[in-house]
Amino acid sequence: MRASKKELFYDQFSEVWERKINNLETEKRLQVVFKQLLKGINLKGKKFLEVGCGLGYFSDMANKMGAKVTAVDVGKKLIERCHKSIPKAKFFVASASNLPFKDESFNVVLCTEVIEHVENQSKVLTEIFRVLKQGGYLVITTPNRMFKPLFSLLTFLRIRPYRGIEKWFFPWKLKLILSRNDSKIIKEVYFNFIYPKGLFNYFEKYKLLKYLMVNQGYLVRKN
């Protein structure tokens, strides 16, 4: 399944991506994924798949925690970079809509800030649950659709340089979809109140403010 031009947006500037990404946001997601959503789950020896690995920061962390890491991305240049930087992991050029793996191949699947950038979100989720083992875990993070108008404005004003696909979910809609796939949401985390640093992190502990967070994350177990 061939990736669309918009799905390949990040691959087009892979050489300079490290200078353009929000490092604070990436570091915050690393904390959310591994120290909150996956807290208490031993990754050592587990078959771990990252769908949409980008520059490989999350695959690298899983590898350091002892997981047997496999990762895919539609960007050929991104995969080449990951091969060089994380030689112990396996990387493949592949679409999230057509994963080149057998049914029930992985104990853990990670999809962080990716599902909003694909053409066929339903197909991607179907593929993820197909390759996930029974009793395995999906970790997924994505932006909150309530903030889409603001980010669209920033893009229009050229303050934000993104030109790819953006199909954001309302939290309640995504939770409903995730619960339909013969699965159960075990944890949910809402993070990044305005900005991923310092004083703003304080507001994340208030459950009443959860839908006012820019990002949402879920740990989902396949039954």
C-alpha atoms as a PDB file:
ATOM      1  CA  MET A   1       0.000   0.000   0.000  1.00  0.00           C
ATOM      2  CA  ARG A   2       1.655   3.190  -1.199  1.00  0.00           C
ATOM      3  CA  ALA A   3       1.851   6.166   1.154  1.00  0.00           C
ATOM      4  CA  SER A   4       0.291   9.420   0.042  1.00  0.00           C
ATOM      5  CA  LYS A   5       2.342  12.584  -0.462  1.00  0.00           C
ATOM      6  CA  LYS A   6       0.894  14.090   2.722  1.00  0.00           C
ATOM      7  CA  GLU A   7       1.675  10.942   4.728  1.00  0.00           C
ATOM      8  CA  LEU A   8       5.316  11.345   3.641  1.00  0.00           C
ATOM      9  CA  PHE A   9       5.507  14.923   4.928  1.00  0.00           C
ATOM     10  CA  TYR A  10       8.007  14.174   7.699  1.00  0.00           C
ATOM     11  CA  ASP A  11      10.287  12.139   5.448  1.00  0.00           C
ATOM     12  CA  GLN A  12      10.704  15.155   3.173  1.00  0.00           C
ATOM     13  CA  PHE A  13      12.718  17.033   5.791  1.00  0.00           C
ATOM     14  CA  SER A  14      14.217  14.118   7.743  1.00  0.00           C
ATOM     15  CA  GLU A  15      17.737  15.602   7.589  1.00  0.00           C
ATOM     16  CA  VAL A  16      16.678  18.727   9.484  1.00  0.00           C
ATOM     17  CA  TRP A  17      13.841  17.270  11.568  1.00  0.00           C
ATOM     18  CA  GLU A  18      15.907  17.222  14.755  1.00  0.00           C
ATOM     19  CA  ARG A  19      16.300  20.996  14.511  1.00  0.00           C
ATOM     20  CA  LYS A  20      12.621  21.575  13.812  1.00  0.00           C
ATOM     21  CA  ILE A  21      10.856  19.305  16.308  1.00  0.00           C
ATOM     22  CA  ASN A  22       9.685  20.443  19.731  1.00  0.00           C
ATOM     23  CA  ASN A  23      12.187  18.617  21.936  1.00  0.00           C
ATOM     24  CA  LEU A  24      10.293  19.513  25.106  1.00  0.00           C
ATOM     25  CA  GLU A  25       7.157  17.873  23.716  1.00  0.00           C
ATOM     26  CA  THR A  26       9.089  14.752  22.679  1.00  0.00           C
ATOM     27  CA  GLU A  27      10.687  14.433  26.108  1.00  0.00           C
ATOM     28  CA  LYS A  28       7.288  14.838  27.742  1.00  0.00           C
ATOM     29  CA  ARG A  29       5.808  12.061  25.614  1.00  0.00           C
ATOM     30  CA  LEU A  30       8.695   9.760  26.440  1.00  0.00           C
ATOM     31  CA  GLN A  31       7.844  10.280  30.109  1.00  0.00           C
ATOM     32  CA  VAL A  32       4.120   9.743  29.538  1.00  0.00           C
ATOM     33  CA  VAL A  33       4.604   6.583  27.467  1.00  0.00           C
ATOM     34  CA  PHE A  34       7.253   4.799  29.524  1.00  0.00           C
ATOM     35  CA  LYS A  35       6.806   6.163  33.050  1.00  0.00           C
ATOM     36  CA  GLN A  36       3.036   6.527  33.135  1.00  0.00           C
ATOM     37  CA  LEU A  37       1.203   4.417  30.575  1.00  0.00           C
ATOM     38  CA  LEU A  38       3.676   1.505  30.592  1.00  0.00           C
ATOM     39  CA  LYS A  39       4.531   1.815  34.274  1.00  0.00           C
ATOM     40  CA  GLY A  40       4.543  -1.614  35.917  1.00  0.00           C
ATOM     41  CA  ILE A  41       4.827  -3.497  32.610  1.00  0.00           C
ATOM     42  CA  ASN A  42       8.169  -5.259  32.195  1.00  0.00           C
ATOM     43  CA  LEU A  43       9.353  -4.802  28.615  1.00  0.00           C
ATOM     44  CA  LYS A  44      12.431  -7.014  28.918  1.00  0.00           C
ATOM     45  CA  GLY A  45      12.291  -9.721  26.271  1.00  0.00           C
ATOM     46  CA  LYS A  46       8.890  -8.536  25.001  1.00  0.00           C
ATOM     47  CA  LYS A  47       8.227  -8.153  21.284  1.00  0.00           C
ATOM     48  CA  PHE A  48       7.681  -4.423  20.857  1.00  0.00           C
ATOM     49  CA  LEU A  49       6.409  -2.736  17.675  1.00  0.00           C
ATOM     50  CA  GLU A  50       6.441   1.006  17.078  1.00  0.00           C
ATOM     51  CA  VAL A  51       4.102   2.129  14.313  1.00  0.00           C
ATOM     52  CA  GLY A  52       5.373   5.383  12.823  1.00  0.00           C
ATOM     53  CA  CYS A  53       8.791   5.539  14.458  1.00  0.00           C
ATOM     54  CA  GLY A  54      10.023   8.824  12.972  1.00  0.00           C
ATOM     55  CA  LEU A  55      13.572   9.417  14.213  1.00  0.00           C
ATOM     56  CA  GLY A  56      13.349   6.438  16.575  1.00  0.00           C
ATOM     57  CA  TYR A  57      13.387   8.110  20.011  1.00  0.00           C
ATOM     58  CA  PHE A  58      10.719   5.796  21.416  1.00  0.00           C
ATOM     59  CA  SER A  59      12.140   2.674  19.790  1.00  0.00           C
ATOM     60  CA  ASP A  60      15.507   3.565  21.295  1.00  0.00           C
ATOM     61  CA  MET A  61      14.004   3.856  24.777  1.00  0.00           C
ATOM     62  CA  ALA A  62      12.179   0.518  24.444  1.00  0.00           C
ATOM     63  CA  ASN A  63      15.417  -1.079  23.250  1.00  0.00           C
ATOM     64  CA  LYS A  64      17.275   0.273  26.285  1.00  0.00           C
ATOM     65  CA  MET A  65      14.580  -1.235  28.508  1.00  0.00           C
ATOM     66  CA  GLY A  66      15.268  -4.680  27.082  1.00  0.00           C
ATOM     67  CA  ALA A  67      12.453  -5.034  24.556  1.00  0.00           C
ATOM     68  CA  LYS A  68      12.898  -6.806  21.229  1.00  0.00           C
ATOM     69  CA  VAL A  69      12.114  -3.798  19.082  1.00  0.00           C
ATOM     70  CA  THR A  70      10.653  -3.701  15.587  1.00  0.00           C
ATOM     71  CA  ALA A  71       9.519  -0.433  14.033  1.00  0.00           C
ATOM     72  CA  VAL A  72       7.942   0.800  10.817  1.00  0.00           C
ATOM     73  CA  ASP A  73       7.536   4.133   9.083  1.00  0.00           C
ATOM     74  CA  VAL A  74       6.455   5.168   5.595  1.00  0.00           C
ATOM     75  CA  GLY A  75       9.527   7.385   5.282  1.00  0.00           C
ATOM     76  CA  LYS A  76      12.498   5.615   3.686  1.00  0.00           C
ATOM     77  CA  LYS A  77      14.974   8.297   4.819  1.00  0.00           C
ATOM     78  CA  LEU A  78      13.685   8.079   8.397  1.00  0.00           C
ATOM     79  CA  ILE A  79      14.097   4.300   8.439  1.00  0.00           C
ATOM     80  CA  GLU A  80      17.653   4.615   7.103  1.00  0.00           C
ATOM     81  CA  ARG A  81      18.502   7.005   9.948  1.00  0.00           C
ATOM     82  CA  CYS A  82      16.996   4.662  12.526  1.00  0.00           C
ATOM     83  CA  HIS A  83      18.963   1.694  11.156  1.00  0.00           C
ATOM     84  CA  LYS A  84      22.183   3.613  11.759  1.00  0.00           C
ATOM     85  CA  SER A  85      21.330   5.029  15.186  1.00  0.00           C
ATOM     86  CA  ILE A  86      19.699   1.900  16.714  1.00  0.00           C
ATOM     87  CA  PRO A  87      21.400  -1.133  15.138  1.00  0.00           C
ATOM     88  CA  LYS A  88      19.928  -3.632  17.623  1.00  0.00           C
ATOM     89  CA  ALA A  89      16.355  -2.933  16.521  1.00  0.00           C
ATOM     90  CA  LYS A  90      14.643  -3.970  13.277  1.00  0.00           C
ATOM     91  CA  PHE A  91      13.264  -1.234  11.027  1.00  0.00           C
ATOM     92  CA  PHE A  92      11.048  -1.557   7.957  1.00  0.00           C
ATOM     93  CA  VAL A  93       9.582   0.850   5.418  1.00  0.00           C
ATOM     94  CA  ALA A  94       5.872   0.076   5.640  1.00  0.00           C
ATOM     95  CA  SER A  95       2.474   1.701   5.835  1.00  0.00           C
ATOM     96  CA  ALA A  96       0.593   1.567   9.125  1.00  0.00           C
ATOM     97  CA  SER A  97      -2.397   0.524   7.015  1.00  0.00           C
ATOM     98  CA  ASN A  98      -0.645  -2.624   5.800  1.00  0.00           C
ATOM     99  CA  LEU A  99       1.742  -3.960   8.443  1.00  0.00           C
ATOM    100  CA  PRO A 100       4.034  -6.710   7.077  1.00  0.00           C
ATOM    101  CA  PHE A 101       3.683  -9.020  10.081  1.00  0.00           C
ATOM    102  CA  LYS A 102       1.707 -12.127  10.984  1.00  0.00           C
ATOM    103  CA  ASP A 103      -1.326 -12.044  13.244  1.00  0.00           C
ATOM    104  CA  GLU A 104      -0.575 -11.742  16.970  1.00  0.00           C
ATOM    105  CA  SER A 105       3.162 -11.084  16.544  1.00  0.00           C
ATOM    106  CA  PHE A 106       3.769  -8.482  19.274  1.00  0.00           C
ATOM    107  CA  ASN A 107       3.284  -8.109  23.029  1.00  0.00           C
ATOM    108  CA  VAL A 108       3.253  -4.308  22.885  1.00  0.00           C
ATOM    109  CA  VAL A 109       2.434  -1.893  20.064  1.00  0.00           C
ATOM    110  CA  LEU A 110       3.184   1.820  20.349  1.00  0.00           C
ATOM    111  CA  CYS A 111       1.567   4.439  18.148  1.00  0.00           C
ATOM    112  CA  THR A 112       2.441   7.901  19.443  1.00  0.00           C
ATOM    113  CA  GLU A 113       1.294  11.039  17.596  1.00  0.00           C
ATOM    114  CA  VAL A 114       0.812   9.025  14.395  1.00  0.00           C
ATOM    115  CA  ILE A 115      -2.855   8.025  14.066  1.00  0.00           C
ATOM    116  CA  GLU A 116      -3.831  11.640  13.290  1.00  0.00           C
ATOM    117  CA  HIS A 117      -1.450  11.690  10.299  1.00  0.00           C
ATOM    118  CA  VAL A 118      -2.782   8.702   8.314  1.00  0.00           C
ATOM    119  CA  GLU A 119      -5.384   8.578   5.554  1.00  0.00           C
ATOM    120  CA  ASN A 120      -7.365   5.569   6.802  1.00  0.00           C
ATOM    121  CA  GLN A 121      -7.460   5.576  10.599  1.00  0.00           C
ATOM    122  CA  SER A 122      -9.892   2.675  10.866  1.00  0.00           C
ATOM    123  CA  LYS A 123      -7.630   0.467   8.749  1.00  0.00           C
ATOM    124  CA  VAL A 124      -4.581   1.398  10.839  1.00  0.00           C
ATOM    125  CA  LEU A 125      -6.291   0.463  14.097  1.00  0.00           C
ATOM    126  CA  THR A 126      -7.513  -2.798  12.579  1.00  0.00           C
ATOM    127  CA  GLU A 127      -3.942  -3.630  11.538  1.00  0.00           C
ATOM    128  CA  ILE A 128      -2.545  -2.752  14.960  1.00  0.00           C
ATOM    129  CA  PHE A 129      -4.986  -5.027  16.774  1.00  0.00           C
ATOM    130  CA  ARG A 130      -4.377  -7.762  14.198  1.00  0.00           C
ATOM    131  CA  VAL A 131      -0.632  -7.938  14.925  1.00  0.00           C
ATOM    132  CA  LEU A 132      -1.089  -7.503  18.690  1.00  0.00           C
ATOM    133  CA  LYS A 133      -1.126 -10.699  20.737  1.00  0.00           C
ATOM    134  CA  GLN A 134      -4.105 -11.613  22.873  1.00  0.00           C
ATOM    135  CA  GLY A 135      -3.458 -10.074  26.278  1.00  0.00           C
ATOM    136  CA  GLY A 136      -0.993  -7.629  24.694  1.00  0.00           C
ATOM    137  CA  TYR A 137      -0.985  -3.864  25.048  1.00  0.00           C
ATOM    138  CA  LEU A 138      -1.473  -0.947  22.701  1.00  0.00           C
ATOM    139  CA  VAL A 139      -0.113   2.434  23.795  1.00  0.00           C
ATOM    140  CA  ILE A 140      -1.521   5.295  21.760  1.00  0.00           C
ATOM    141  CA  THR A 141      -1.183   9.067  22.082  1.00  0.00           C
ATOM    142  CA  THR A 142      -2.682  11.735  19.868  1.00  0.00           C
ATOM    143  CA  PRO A 143      -3.768  15.397  20.031  1.00  0.00           C
ATOM    144  CA  ASN A 144      -7.145  16.505  21.367  1.00  0.00           C
ATOM    145  CA  ARG A 145      -9.436  17.711  18.581  1.00  0.00           C
ATOM    146  CA  MET A 146     -10.690  20.557  20.749  1.00  0.00           C
ATOM    147  CA  PHE A 147      -7.391  22.324  19.972  1.00  0.00           C
ATOM    148  CA  LYS A 148      -7.489  21.753  16.205  1.00  0.00           C
ATOM    149  CA  PRO A 149      -8.809  25.253  15.328  1.00  0.00           C
ATOM    150  CA  LEU A 150      -5.958  26.858  17.248  1.00  0.00           C
ATOM    151  CA  PHE A 151      -3.286  24.731  15.559  1.00  0.00           C
ATOM    152  CA  SER A 152      -4.891  25.279  12.149  1.00  0.00           C
ATOM    153  CA  LEU A 153      -4.642  29.019  12.756  1.00  0.00           C
ATOM    154  CA  LEU A 154      -0.968  28.701  13.705  1.00  0.00           C
ATOM    155  CA  THR A 155      -0.382  26.724  10.513  1.00  0.00           C
ATOM    156  CA  PHE A 156      -2.241  29.345   8.440  1.00  0.00           C
ATOM    157  CA  LEU A 157      -0.091  32.090   9.964  1.00  0.00           C
ATOM    158  CA  ARG A 158       3.036  30.020   9.159  1.00  0.00           C
ATOM    159  CA  ILE A 159       4.001  29.931  12.823  1.00  0.00           C
ATOM    160  CA  ARG A 160       3.653  26.150  12.669  1.00  0.00           C
ATOM    161  CA  PRO A 161       5.267  24.578   9.583  1.00  0.00           C
ATOM    162  CA  TYR A 162       3.156  21.393   9.349  1.00  0.00           C
ATOM    163  CA  ARG A 163       1.628  20.611   5.922  1.00  0.00           C
ATOM    164  CA  GLY A 164       0.621  16.959   6.268  1.00  0.00           C
ATOM    165  CA  ILE A 165      -2.581  15.122   7.212  1.00  0.00           C
ATOM    166  CA  GLU A 166      -4.310  16.150  10.435  1.00  0.00           C
ATOM    167  CA  LYS A 167      -7.352  14.148  11.537  1.00  0.00           C
ATOM    168  CA  TRP A 168      -7.645  14.718  15.262  1.00  0.00           C
ATOM    169  CA  PHE A 169      -9.952  12.873  17.688  1.00  0.00           C
ATOM    170  CA  PHE A 170     -12.115  14.128  20.498  1.00  0.00           C
ATOM    171  CA  PRO A 171     -11.099  12.057  23.561  1.00  0.00           C
ATOM    172  CA  TRP A 172     -14.540  10.539  24.094  1.00  0.00           C
ATOM    173  CA  LYS A 173     -14.747   9.492  20.437  1.00  0.00           C
ATOM    174  CA  LEU A 174     -11.333   7.819  20.446  1.00  0.00           C
ATOM    175  CA  LYS A 175     -12.099   5.986  23.700  1.00  0.00           C
ATOM    176  CA  LEU A 176     -15.278   4.624  22.153  1.00  0.00           C
ATOM    177  CA  ILE A 177     -13.381   3.416  19.071  1.00  0.00           C
ATOM    178  CA  LEU A 178     -10.642   1.764  21.125  1.00  0.00           C
ATOM    179  CA  SER A 179     -13.224  -0.073  23.228  1.00  0.00           C
ATOM    180  CA  ARG A 180     -14.898  -1.538  20.156  1.00  0.00           C
ATOM    181  CA  ASN A 181     -11.896  -3.631  19.086  1.00  0.00           C
ATOM    182  CA  ASP A 182     -12.401  -6.458  21.599  1.00  0.00           C
ATOM    183  CA  SER A 183     -10.191  -4.493  23.946  1.00  0.00           C
ATOM    184  CA  LYS A 184     -10.244  -2.611  27.226  1.00  0.00           C
ATOM    185  CA  ILE A 185      -8.732   0.749  28.169  1.00  0.00           C
ATOM    186  CA  ILE A 186      -6.547   0.164  31.243  1.00  0.00           C
ATOM    187  CA  LYS A 187      -5.099   3.659  31.707  1.00  0.00           C
ATOM    188  CA  GLU A 188      -5.760   7.102  30.311  1.00  0.00           C
ATOM    189  CA  VAL A 189      -3.478  10.123  30.635  1.00  0.00           C
ATOM    190  CA  TYR A 190      -4.194  13.687  29.557  1.00  0.00           C
ATOM    191  CA  PHE A 191      -1.169  15.933  29.250  1.00  0.00           C
ATOM    192  CA  ASN A 192       0.273  19.230  28.022  1.00  0.00           C
ATOM    193  CA  PHE A 193      -1.838  22.019  29.456  1.00  0.00           C
ATOM    194  CA  ILE A 194      -0.915  24.853  27.063  1.00  0.00           C
ATOM    195  CA  TYR A 195       2.810  23.976  27.070  1.00  0.00           C
ATOM    196  CA  PRO A 196       4.790  20.845  28.076  1.00  0.00           C
ATOM    197  CA  LYS A 197       6.925  22.337  30.820  1.00  0.00           C
ATOM    198  CA  GLY A 198       7.156  23.662  34.359  1.00  0.00           C
ATOM    199  CA  LEU A 199       4.138  25.303  35.936  1.00  0.00           C
ATOM    200  CA  PHE A 200       1.739  24.011  33.284  1.00  0.00           C
ATOM    201  CA  ASN A 201       2.431  20.382  34.281  1.00  0.00           C
ATOM    202  CA  TYR A 202       0.835  21.148  37.647  1.00  0.00           C
ATOM    203  CA  PHE A 203      -2.649  21.301  36.100  1.00  0.00           C
ATOM    204  CA  GLU A 204      -2.476  17.747  34.735  1.00  0.00           C
ATOM    205  CA  LYS A 205      -3.343  16.255  38.121  1.00  0.00           C
ATOM    206  CA  TYR A 206      -6.845  17.773  38.077  1.00  0.00           C
ATOM    207  CA  LYS A 207      -9.247  15.303  36.455  1.00  0.00           C
ATOM    208  CA  LEU A 208     -11.796  18.042  35.786  1.00  0.00           C
ATOM    209  CA  LEU A 209      -9.311  19.630  33.382  1.00  0.00           C
ATOM    210  CA  LYS A 210      -8.519  16.454  31.431  1.00  0.00           C
ATOM    211  CA  TYR A 211     -10.294  17.514  28.243  1.00  0.00           C
ATOM    212  CA  LEU A 212      -8.481  20.854  28.349  1.00  0.00           C
ATOM    213  CA  MET A 213      -5.153  19.130  27.765  1.00  0.00           C
ATOM    214  CA  VAL A 214      -3.632  19.291  24.288  1.00  0.00           C
ATOM    215  CA  ASN A 215      -2.786  15.574  24.211  1.00  0.00           C
ATOM    216  CA  GLN A 216      -4.411  12.306  25.238  1.00  0.00           C
ATOM    217  CA  GLY A 217      -2.855   8.896  25.823  1.00  0.00           C
ATOM    218  CA  TYR A 218      -4.240   5.407  26.470  1.00  0.00           C
ATOM    219  CA  LEU A 219      -3.014   1.964  27.490  1.00  0.00           C
ATOM    220  CA  VAL A 220      -5.302  -0.596  25.868  1.00  0.00           C
ATOM    221  CA  ARG A 221      -5.290  -4.355  26.478  1.00  0.00           C
ATOM    222  CA  LYS A 222      -6.432  -6.747  23.774  1.00  0.00           C
ATOM    223  CA  ASN A 223      -8.802  -9.308  25.261  1.00  0.00           C
END
